[in-house]
Amino acid sequence: MRILIVEDEPTLGKQLKSTLEQTGYAVDLSTDGEDGHFMGSTEDYDAVILDLGLPEIDGLTVLGMWRREGRTFPVLVLTARDSWSDKVAGLDAGADDYLAKPFQTEELIARLRALIRRVPVERSGYRVVRYEGRYHTVRGGGRTAPYIVGSEDSEDVLGRA
């Protein structure tokens, strides 16, 4: 599974990237809204972690641009903006989830897994029939296949290589 992180705080961005890679994800990192928008518009991601307070273009604007372009990948907003009105604005702009900083890494990963659970159905025609952490069993096209998040072999099985 391929994740885009758009986060302007260098230490946090690198830590998230490293943690998600250790969990088995392929991760790209952008540090500003302009670059993040370009990456999300030109590459296929299974999910995006998006900060709102970005240089160049703010995160809500980036999110709105992606949605107007028809980009449907799940977006988890990760931001220091924690008021209820900020959360409503983020969700109304097209975010699928919203997590305020500071946060627990385990919670972020659990929320990301929850968002990604829908990805095989939406993108490959397969549906998850069993889910155990990063291990899925998927069914589609008259067959059942194992799917391991981040595994190239699993992506070949699903025709997504």
Protein backbone atom coordinates (compact mmCIF):
# COMPACT_ATOMS: atom_id res chain seq x y z
CA MET A 1 0.00 0.00 0.00
CA ARG A 2 1.28 3.43 -0.94
CA ILE A 3 0.87 6.40 1.41
CA LEU A 4 1.53 10.11 0.87
CA ILE A 5 2.41 12.24 3.90
CA VAL A 6 2.12 16.01 3.45
CA GLU A 7 3.69 17.49 6.59
CA ASP A 8 5.86 20.61 6.84
CA GLU A 9 7.43 19.85 10.23
CA PRO A 10 10.63 17.97 9.20
CA THR A 11 11.13 15.85 12.31
CA LEU A 12 7.51 14.69 12.46
CA GLY A 13 7.39 13.99 8.72
CA LYS A 14 10.53 11.84 8.83
CA GLN A 15 9.35 9.99 11.95
CA LEU A 16 5.97 9.21 10.40
CA LYS A 17 7.59 8.08 7.16
CA SER A 18 10.00 5.78 9.00
CA THR A 19 7.30 4.33 11.26
CA LEU A 20 4.93 3.62 8.36
CA GLU A 21 7.72 2.07 6.29
CA GLN A 22 8.59 -0.22 9.23
CA THR A 23 4.91 -1.18 9.34
CA GLY A 24 5.10 -2.26 5.69
CA TYR A 25 3.83 0.74 3.73
CA ALA A 26 5.54 2.45 0.80
CA VAL A 27 5.65 6.13 1.79
CA ASP A 28 6.28 9.39 -0.05
CA LEU A 29 6.82 12.61 1.92
CA SER A 30 6.07 16.16 0.84
CA THR A 31 6.85 19.22 2.97
CA ASP A 32 4.60 21.86 1.37
CA GLY A 33 1.13 22.19 -0.12
CA GLU A 34 2.22 22.89 -3.68
CA ASP A 35 4.42 19.78 -3.94
CA GLY A 36 1.89 17.70 -1.99
CA HIS A 37 -0.89 18.74 -4.34
CA PHE A 38 1.22 17.82 -7.37
CA MET A 39 2.14 14.40 -5.93
CA GLY A 40 -1.46 13.61 -4.99
CA SER A 41 -2.68 14.74 -8.41
CA THR A 42 -0.18 12.74 -10.45
CA GLU A 43 0.45 9.57 -8.43
CA ASP A 44 -1.87 6.84 -7.18
CA TYR A 45 -1.99 6.61 -3.40
CA ASP A 46 -3.98 4.29 -1.19
CA ALA A 47 -4.24 7.00 1.47
CA VAL A 48 -2.90 10.45 2.36
CA ILE A 49 -1.96 11.95 5.72
CA LEU A 50 -2.40 15.71 5.32
CA ASP A 51 -1.40 18.59 7.61
CA LEU A 52 -3.47 21.76 7.30
CA GLY A 53 -0.87 24.40 8.20
CA LEU A 54 1.34 24.02 5.14
CA PRO A 55 3.53 26.54 3.33
CA GLU A 56 2.73 27.50 -0.29
CA ILE A 57 -0.84 26.14 -0.29
CA ASP A 58 -2.74 25.31 2.93
CA GLY A 59 -3.99 21.78 3.49
CA LEU A 60 -7.72 22.54 3.20
CA THR A 61 -7.12 24.14 -0.20
CA VAL A 62 -5.04 21.14 -1.32
CA LEU A 63 -7.78 18.77 -0.18
CA GLY A 64 -10.45 20.76 -2.01
CA MET A 65 -8.35 20.78 -5.18
CA TRP A 66 -7.89 17.00 -5.06
CA ARG A 67 -11.60 16.43 -4.58
CA ARG A 68 -12.52 18.77 -7.46
CA GLU A 69 -10.00 16.84 -9.62
CA GLY A 70 -11.82 13.61 -8.80
CA ARG A 71 -9.10 12.20 -6.54
CA THR A 72 -10.90 9.80 -4.20
CA PHE A 73 -8.11 8.35 -2.05
CA PRO A 74 -8.85 8.45 1.69
CA VAL A 75 -7.40 11.48 3.47
CA LEU A 76 -6.58 11.58 7.15
CA VAL A 77 -6.06 15.17 8.32
CA LEU A 78 -3.32 15.38 10.97
CA THR A 79 -3.08 18.88 12.41
CA ALA A 80 -2.65 21.02 15.50
CA ARG A 81 -6.02 22.65 14.74
CA ASP A 82 -8.21 20.88 17.25
CA SER A 83 -11.38 22.96 17.64
CA TRP A 84 -14.68 21.39 16.67
CA SER A 85 -15.13 23.97 13.91
CA ASP A 86 -11.74 23.06 12.39
CA LYS A 87 -12.72 19.38 12.46
CA VAL A 88 -16.05 20.11 10.78
CA ALA A 89 -14.32 22.25 8.12
CA GLY A 90 -11.81 19.48 7.39
CA LEU A 91 -14.42 16.77 7.12
CA ASP A 92 -16.70 18.98 5.00
CA ALA A 93 -13.76 19.75 2.68
CA GLY A 94 -13.48 16.04 1.91
CA ALA A 95 -11.33 14.51 4.66
CA ASP A 96 -12.22 10.95 5.64
CA ASP A 97 -10.79 11.26 9.15
CA TYR A 98 -9.31 13.96 11.38
CA LEU A 99 -6.70 13.53 14.10
CA ALA A 100 -5.42 16.40 16.22
CA LYS A 101 -1.80 16.79 17.34
CA PRO A 102 -0.41 15.71 19.71
CA PHE A 103 -1.40 12.13 18.91
CA GLN A 104 -0.42 8.55 19.64
CA THR A 105 1.31 6.84 16.73
CA GLU A 106 -0.63 3.64 17.36
CA GLU A 107 -3.91 5.53 17.00
CA LEU A 108 -2.78 7.12 13.73
CA ILE A 109 -1.79 3.71 12.32
CA ALA A 110 -5.11 2.18 13.43
CA ARG A 111 -7.05 5.01 11.77
CA LEU A 112 -4.96 4.60 8.60
CA ARG A 113 -5.66 0.84 8.55
CA ALA A 114 -9.38 1.56 8.95
CA LEU A 115 -9.31 3.93 5.95
CA ILE A 116 -7.29 1.53 3.81
CA ARG A 117 -9.57 -1.45 4.48
CA ARG A 118 -11.85 -0.08 1.74
CA VAL A 119 -9.09 0.39 -0.84
CA PRO A 120 -8.96 -3.14 -2.34
CA VAL A 121 -12.71 -3.03 -2.96
CA GLU A 122 -12.69 0.39 -4.56
CA ARG A 123 -9.59 -0.01 -6.70
CA SER A 124 -9.28 -3.65 -7.66
CA GLY A 125 -12.75 -5.19 -7.58
CA TYR A 126 -11.69 -7.46 -4.71
CA ARG A 127 -13.29 -7.31 -1.32
CA VAL A 128 -11.72 -8.02 2.05
CA VAL A 129 -13.19 -11.17 3.58
CA ARG A 130 -10.81 -11.36 6.55
CA TYR A 131 -8.68 -8.65 8.12
CA GLU A 132 -5.87 -9.23 10.63
CA GLY A 133 -3.58 -6.21 10.99
CA ARG A 134 -1.62 -5.86 7.77
CA TYR A 135 -2.77 -9.31 6.59
CA HIS A 136 -5.95 -9.49 4.50
CA THR A 137 -7.74 -12.29 2.75
CA VAL A 138 -9.49 -10.92 -0.33
CA ARG A 139 -12.02 -12.42 -2.70
CA GLY A 140 -12.79 -11.42 -6.28
CA GLY A 141 -12.99 -12.80 -9.77
CA GLY A 142 -14.07 -16.20 -8.44
CA ARG A 143 -10.98 -16.70 -6.28
CA THR A 144 -9.63 -15.93 -2.82
CA ALA A 145 -6.11 -14.58 -2.35
CA PRO A 146 -3.87 -13.45 0.50
CA TYR A 147 -3.01 -9.77 0.59
CA ILE A 148 -0.27 -8.33 2.80
CA VAL A 149 -0.15 -4.53 3.10
CA GLY A 150 3.06 -3.33 1.48
CA SER A 151 3.85 -6.62 -0.27
CA GLU A 152 4.69 -6.42 -3.98
CA ASP A 153 3.62 -10.06 -4.38
CA SER A 154 0.18 -9.22 -3.00
CA GLU A 155 -0.15 -6.26 -5.34
CA ASP A 156 0.69 -8.59 -8.27
CA VAL A 157 -2.12 -10.92 -7.11
CA LEU A 158 -4.55 -8.01 -7.19
CA GLY A 159 -3.32 -6.75 -10.54
CA ARG A 160 -2.02 -3.50 -9.10
CA ALA A 161 1.74 -3.85 -9.72
